[in-house]
Amino acid sequence: MKILAFSDVHRDLDACAGLVDMASEVDLVIGAGDFASVHEGLNETIEALSPITTETVLVPGNNERSDDLRDAVSRLWPAATVLHGDAVEVMGVPVYGLGGGVPVTPWEWSFDLDEGEAAEMLEALPDEALLVVHSPPKGHCDQSSGGEHLGSTAILEAIERTSPKLAVCGHIHEAWGERSTAGSTEVVNLGPSGTLLEVG
């Protein structure tokens, strides 16, 4: 399965246009959250991505609420499905999504989950799935410019328990493009430019 994956476009319509151009060459498109910026511009961003007709899976970031993303996608982007604590199957592979900032961020406006809420939602993660999360697992692709590891212990524990085929994330901008291995699973922090990946 050939995949185009991205995160954190944050209303960048030029980035969206580039992703639309790349999407026809793959089997699955993944958007790992933060289409809006502080809840602004969500509809415009989803509309800019909507020419993508390849099957697409999205999770909410911490800059948009899950309900708002589901509403925008249902109106504007027929090829996309929003996941937040649930899964779909693509070419025989379960794809499980969990959005939001995990752990809770310092910003009052942010769409977040605490570690307990995330752990509860991740109980349904199937073994050897393709995992799409907005927040990285703790200690992997999650280092801030100040050197802090800002990722989620609940996501790390779920990866170690179920050995996903691949885990993709975003959220920590300073770690865009980084790759790591958690257990047997490759973890990729995506960023907005689009990353081509392959899952057997």
Foldseek 3Di string as FASTA:
>chain_A
DKEKEAEACALVLVLLQLCLVVQVVGQEYEYQENQHAQQPDNLVSLQSNQNRQHQYEYEYEFSHDQVVNQVSCVPHHVRYDYAALDWDAGPNAIEHEHYFFEPDDPDPSTGHDYQVVLLVSLVPPAAQHEYRYAFDAFPWLQQAPVGHRRGHPSVLVSCQVRVHQEYEYENRPVSAQGWDQRNNYIYHHHHSNIDMDDGD
